[in-house]
Amino acid sequence: MSRFGDATAVERIAEGRYEADLDAGFSFAEAVNGGYLMAVLARAAVDASPHEHPVATAATFLRVAKPGRAEVLVETRKSGRTAATARVGLVQNGVPLVEALITTGTLDAGSEPEWVGEPPVPALPPLDHCTSFGGGDDRTRGFADQVDMRFDPATMGWLDGRPGGRPEMRAWFRLADPHEPDAYVLALAVDALPPIVLNMGARGWAPTVEMTWHMRAVPAPGPLAVHGSGRLVDGGWFDEEVEVWDSAGRLVAQSRQLARVGRRS
């Protein structure tokens, strides 16, 4: 398996119980990335299901997950011919960290959409016109070293103290290792952007409280285009909506999360 495949692997130890080793490489200052955690939960949910893909995930993040051993608990609530639903929890040292409801189904990689809306506007510039993160310190390099992200410069002025004033971020996304996009990479991609409120002058950590994401299609090989935006920033809370488009121009994932705003500059 690839580095990402190994990092998100789960081992069944009993009916409905799995062990995972949360990889420090997918963390920021020892707080493990939420998208990575959803990929781990999705692997357990799919293993316990007759279906191949995590088509809908609603996750509530209760506490910060740290690198190291953890347990994933899967409780099947429904199992049908087209969909199965399970309650999936992540526990570390006896403490619940994430609670999720995951619905699995099997998507046809060769299907063609009956209708699809227009791609996001503005579109991402070509890869060679985008910029890598270029910053970070020992606390943040772990995650940045596992992914290859190229950002639209129009949404990255906050790095130089010139935030654009709108909650938005756009980037090309792929893993640093040779692992082509799949369902679990999509789980990571929907939570890979820096918090969109950084582009409004916020600083520091912006913890996710709840995230719902949908897998809409099996992604084609190649980089993913990730578009993040928000509708409301108010009272220390903000929402972030993300669309992920694959190299064939198909919408392959959507998400919405509710998060807390970091301190203002």
Protein backbone atom coordinates (compact mmCIF):
# COMPACT_ATOMS: atom_id res chain seq x y z
CA MET A 1 0.00 0.00 0.00
CA SER A 2 0.98 3.66 -0.31
CA ARG A 3 1.93 5.81 2.68
CA PHE A 4 -1.65 7.13 2.79
CA GLY A 5 -3.09 3.63 2.50
CA ASP A 6 -0.95 2.42 5.39
CA ALA A 7 -1.73 5.54 7.46
CA THR A 8 -5.50 5.06 7.16
CA ALA A 9 -5.55 1.26 7.52
CA VAL A 10 -7.76 -0.36 10.16
CA GLU A 11 -7.53 -3.86 11.61
CA ARG A 12 -10.65 -5.76 12.65
CA ILE A 13 -10.15 -7.19 16.14
CA ALA A 14 -13.75 -8.27 16.81
CA GLU A 15 -17.21 -7.83 15.36
CA GLY A 16 -17.73 -4.07 15.07
CA ARG A 17 -14.33 -3.24 16.60
CA TYR A 18 -11.23 -2.05 14.76
CA GLU A 19 -7.79 -0.77 15.73
CA ALA A 20 -6.01 2.09 13.95
CA ASP A 21 -2.65 3.78 14.38
CA LEU A 22 -3.25 7.50 13.82
CA ASP A 23 -0.32 8.82 11.81
CA ALA A 24 1.50 11.91 13.12
CA GLY A 25 2.23 12.91 9.53
CA PHE A 26 -1.41 13.98 9.10
CA SER A 27 -1.48 16.30 12.11
CA PHE A 28 -0.96 19.95 12.96
CA ALA A 29 0.85 20.54 16.25
CA GLU A 30 -0.18 17.01 17.30
CA ALA A 31 -3.87 17.59 16.46
CA VAL A 32 -4.80 15.03 13.79
CA ASN A 33 -6.56 16.42 10.72
CA GLY A 34 -10.33 15.86 10.64
CA GLY A 35 -10.41 14.73 7.02
CA TYR A 36 -7.80 12.09 7.77
CA LEU A 37 -9.90 10.88 10.71
CA MET A 38 -12.96 10.63 8.46
CA ALA A 39 -10.93 8.51 6.03
CA VAL A 40 -10.03 6.13 8.88
CA LEU A 41 -13.67 5.91 10.00
CA ALA A 42 -14.78 5.35 6.40
CA ARG A 43 -12.42 2.40 5.97
CA ALA A 44 -13.95 0.70 9.00
CA ALA A 45 -17.50 1.49 7.85
CA VAL A 46 -16.84 0.06 4.37
CA ASP A 47 -15.19 -3.05 5.81
CA ALA A 48 -18.31 -3.71 7.87
CA SER A 49 -20.64 -3.01 4.92
CA PRO A 50 -21.64 -4.94 1.79
CA HIS A 51 -21.02 -1.74 -0.21
CA GLU A 52 -17.83 -0.17 -1.54
CA HIS A 53 -18.07 3.58 -0.98
CA PRO A 54 -18.79 5.99 1.89
CA VAL A 55 -21.41 8.08 0.08
CA ALA A 56 -22.52 10.22 3.05
CA THR A 57 -20.73 11.04 6.30
CA ALA A 58 -21.94 13.28 9.12
CA ALA A 59 -19.21 13.64 11.75
CA THR A 60 -19.17 15.50 15.06
CA PHE A 61 -15.72 16.23 16.45
CA LEU A 62 -15.86 16.00 20.24
CA ARG A 63 -12.20 16.25 21.19
CA VAL A 64 -8.78 16.56 19.59
CA ALA A 65 -7.30 13.28 18.34
CA LYS A 66 -3.59 12.71 18.96
CA PRO A 67 -1.24 10.50 16.95
CA GLY A 68 -1.08 6.92 18.18
CA ARG A 69 -3.30 3.92 18.77
CA ALA A 70 -7.07 4.36 18.62
CA GLU A 71 -10.16 2.18 18.38
CA VAL A 72 -12.97 2.46 15.82
CA LEU A 73 -16.39 1.13 16.82
CA VAL A 74 -18.94 0.31 14.11
CA GLU A 75 -22.59 -0.28 14.91
CA THR A 76 -24.65 -1.22 11.85
CA ARG A 77 -28.05 0.48 11.91
CA LYS A 78 -29.34 -0.64 8.51
CA SER A 79 -28.07 -2.87 5.71
CA GLY A 80 -29.90 -2.88 2.39
CA ARG A 81 -29.28 -3.72 -1.25
CA THR A 82 -28.42 -0.15 -2.27
CA ALA A 83 -27.26 1.42 0.99
CA ALA A 84 -26.14 0.59 4.51
CA THR A 85 -25.84 2.93 7.46
CA ALA A 86 -23.61 2.60 10.52
CA ARG A 87 -22.84 4.62 13.59
CA VAL A 88 -19.05 4.87 13.75
CA GLY A 89 -17.05 6.19 16.69
CA LEU A 90 -13.37 6.93 17.24
CA VAL A 91 -12.09 6.29 20.76
CA GLN A 92 -8.63 6.92 22.18
CA ASN A 93 -7.59 5.89 25.70
CA GLY A 94 -11.25 5.20 26.48
CA VAL A 95 -12.33 8.73 25.50
CA PRO A 96 -14.71 9.32 22.54
CA LEU A 97 -13.20 11.72 19.99
CA VAL A 98 -15.43 11.56 16.90
CA GLU A 99 -18.99 10.32 16.39
CA ALA A 100 -20.19 9.79 12.83
CA LEU A 101 -23.12 8.40 10.91
CA ILE A 102 -21.81 6.89 7.67
CA THR A 103 -23.94 5.65 4.80
CA THR A 104 -22.24 3.36 2.30
CA GLY A 105 -23.27 2.50 -1.24
CA THR A 106 -21.63 1.32 -4.44
CA LEU A 107 -21.05 3.95 -7.12
CA ASP A 108 -20.59 3.04 -10.78
CA ALA A 109 -17.27 4.46 -11.98
CA GLY A 110 -18.56 4.47 -15.56
CA SER A 111 -21.82 6.31 -14.96
CA GLU A 112 -22.54 9.63 -16.64
CA PRO A 113 -24.44 12.37 -14.77
CA GLU A 114 -27.92 13.25 -15.98
CA TRP A 115 -27.33 16.88 -15.01
CA VAL A 116 -24.55 18.83 -13.36
CA GLY A 117 -24.27 22.51 -12.47
CA GLU A 118 -21.57 24.83 -13.69
CA PRO A 119 -18.08 24.49 -12.19
CA PRO A 120 -17.19 27.09 -9.56
CA VAL A 121 -16.39 30.61 -10.68
CA PRO A 122 -13.72 31.88 -10.61
CA ALA A 123 -11.96 28.80 -11.91
CA LEU A 124 -8.60 27.71 -10.57
CA PRO A 125 -5.58 29.02 -12.51
CA PRO A 126 -3.39 26.40 -14.21
CA LEU A 127 -1.10 24.46 -11.89
CA ASP A 128 2.02 26.35 -12.98
CA HIS A 129 0.32 29.66 -12.08
CA CYS A 130 -0.48 28.53 -8.55
CA THR A 131 1.68 28.64 -5.45
CA SER A 132 2.65 26.09 -2.83
CA PHE A 133 2.09 26.93 0.82
CA GLY A 134 5.75 27.78 1.25
CA GLY A 135 5.48 28.44 4.98
CA GLY A 136 4.87 26.58 8.15
CA ASP A 137 7.07 25.41 10.99
CA ASP A 138 7.74 22.11 12.72
CA ARG A 139 4.20 22.14 14.17
CA THR A 140 2.51 22.34 10.76
CA ARG A 141 4.96 20.66 8.39
CA GLY A 142 3.61 17.16 9.09
CA PHE A 143 0.41 17.52 7.09
CA ALA A 144 2.00 19.82 4.50
CA ASP A 145 4.63 17.17 3.78
CA GLN A 146 1.99 14.53 3.03
CA VAL A 147 0.10 16.52 0.40
CA ASP A 148 0.96 18.46 -2.72
CA MET A 149 -1.30 21.52 -2.78
CA ARG A 150 -1.03 24.43 -5.22
CA PHE A 151 -3.08 27.46 -4.21
CA ASP A 152 -4.78 30.18 -6.21
CA PRO A 153 -2.65 33.26 -5.37
CA ALA A 154 -5.81 35.40 -5.30
CA THR A 155 -6.86 33.67 -2.06
CA MET A 156 -3.46 33.59 -0.33
CA GLY A 157 -2.73 37.27 0.40
CA TRP A 158 -3.22 36.56 4.11
CA LEU A 159 0.20 34.90 4.15
CA ASP A 160 1.75 38.33 3.55
CA GLY A 161 -0.62 40.19 5.87
CA ARG A 162 -2.99 41.16 3.03
CA PRO A 163 -6.15 39.08 3.54
CA GLY A 164 -8.63 39.38 0.70
CA GLY A 165 -11.61 40.02 2.96
CA ARG A 166 -13.73 37.10 1.73
CA PRO A 167 -13.99 33.62 3.32
CA GLU A 168 -12.67 31.64 0.38
CA MET A 169 -9.76 29.42 -0.62
CA ARG A 170 -8.95 27.42 -3.77
CA ALA A 171 -6.25 24.87 -4.53
CA TRP A 172 -5.17 21.92 -6.62
CA PHE A 173 -4.80 18.86 -4.40
CA ARG A 174 -3.04 15.51 -4.60
CA LEU A 175 -1.09 13.33 -2.22
CA ALA A 176 2.67 13.57 -2.05
CA ASP A 177 2.92 9.78 -2.44
CA PRO A 178 1.77 7.92 -5.59
CA HIS A 179 -1.80 7.24 -4.43
CA GLU A 180 -4.42 8.21 -6.96
CA PRO A 181 -7.72 9.71 -5.75
CA ASP A 182 -10.24 7.34 -4.22
CA ALA A 183 -13.02 7.61 -1.63
CA TYR A 184 -10.57 7.99 1.26
CA VAL A 185 -8.50 10.64 -0.50
CA LEU A 186 -11.74 12.57 -1.04
CA ALA A 187 -12.40 12.45 2.72
CA LEU A 188 -9.00 14.07 3.22
CA ALA A 189 -9.43 16.59 0.40
CA VAL A 190 -12.66 18.10 1.71
CA ASP A 191 -10.82 19.14 4.89
CA ALA A 192 -7.39 19.93 3.43
CA LEU A 193 -7.68 23.68 2.81
CA PRO A 194 -6.45 26.13 5.43
CA PRO A 195 -9.43 27.66 7.28
CA ILE A 196 -11.14 30.04 4.86
CA VAL A 197 -11.45 32.72 7.59
CA LEU A 198 -7.67 33.22 7.38
CA ASN A 199 -8.49 35.19 4.24
CA MET A 200 -10.52 37.56 6.46
CA GLY A 201 -7.72 38.25 8.92
CA ALA A 202 -8.37 35.46 11.43
CA ARG A 203 -5.34 33.73 12.88
CA GLY A 204 -4.57 30.46 14.58
CA TRP A 205 -6.47 27.23 14.82
CA ALA A 206 -10.09 27.05 13.63
CA PRO A 207 -11.43 23.77 15.06
CA THR A 208 -14.17 21.92 13.17
CA VAL A 209 -17.22 21.16 15.28
CA GLU A 210 -19.31 19.25 12.71
CA MET A 211 -18.72 18.23 9.10
CA THR A 212 -20.94 16.51 6.57
CA TRP A 213 -19.48 15.32 3.29
CA HIS A 214 -20.83 13.43 0.29
CA MET A 215 -18.96 11.30 -2.22
CA ARG A 216 -20.69 12.03 -5.54
CA ALA A 217 -18.62 10.02 -8.03
CA VAL A 218 -15.56 7.81 -8.33
CA PRO A 219 -12.70 10.22 -9.13
CA ALA A 220 -10.51 9.95 -12.22
CA PRO A 221 -6.72 9.78 -11.77
CA GLY A 222 -4.92 13.09 -11.48
CA PRO A 223 -5.07 16.24 -9.35
CA LEU A 224 -8.28 17.39 -7.70
CA ALA A 225 -9.57 20.97 -7.81
CA VAL A 226 -10.76 22.03 -4.33
CA HIS A 227 -12.95 25.13 -3.94
CA GLY A 228 -13.83 26.41 -0.46
CA SER A 229 -16.15 29.27 0.46
CA GLY A 230 -18.37 30.44 3.31
CA ARG A 231 -21.76 32.09 3.67
CA LEU A 232 -21.70 33.49 7.21
CA VAL A 233 -19.10 34.46 9.80
CA ASP A 234 -20.80 35.53 13.01
CA GLY A 235 -20.31 35.34 16.77
CA GLY A 236 -17.12 33.31 16.58
CA TRP A 237 -18.61 30.70 14.23
CA PHE A 238 -18.25 30.17 10.49
CA ASP A 239 -19.38 27.70 7.86
CA GLU A 240 -17.20 26.32 5.10
CA GLU A 241 -18.54 24.70 1.95
CA VAL A 242 -16.18 22.72 -0.28
CA GLU A 243 -16.58 21.26 -3.74
CA VAL A 244 -14.02 18.83 -5.18
CA TRP A 245 -13.74 18.34 -8.95
CA ASP A 246 -11.58 15.67 -10.57
CA SER A 247 -9.26 15.83 -13.58
CA ALA A 248 -12.13 14.82 -15.89
CA GLY A 249 -14.13 17.87 -14.79
CA ARG A 250 -16.60 15.90 -12.65
CA LEU A 251 -17.94 16.92 -9.26
CA VAL A 252 -16.75 14.08 -7.02
CA ALA A 253 -17.26 15.38 -3.45
CA GLN A 254 -19.11 18.08 -1.53
CA SER A 255 -18.90 19.11 2.12
CA ARG A 256 -20.12 21.63 4.64
CA GLN A 257 -18.64 22.18 8.08
CA LEU A 258 -19.31 24.38 11.08
CA ALA A 259 -16.21 25.63 12.86
CA ARG A 260 -14.96 28.15 15.37
CA VAL A 261 -13.09 31.28 14.28
CA GLY A 262 -9.50 31.71 15.43
CA ARG A 263 -8.30 34.94 16.97
CA ARG A 264 -8.28 38.11 14.86
CA SER A 265 -5.03 39.75 13.75
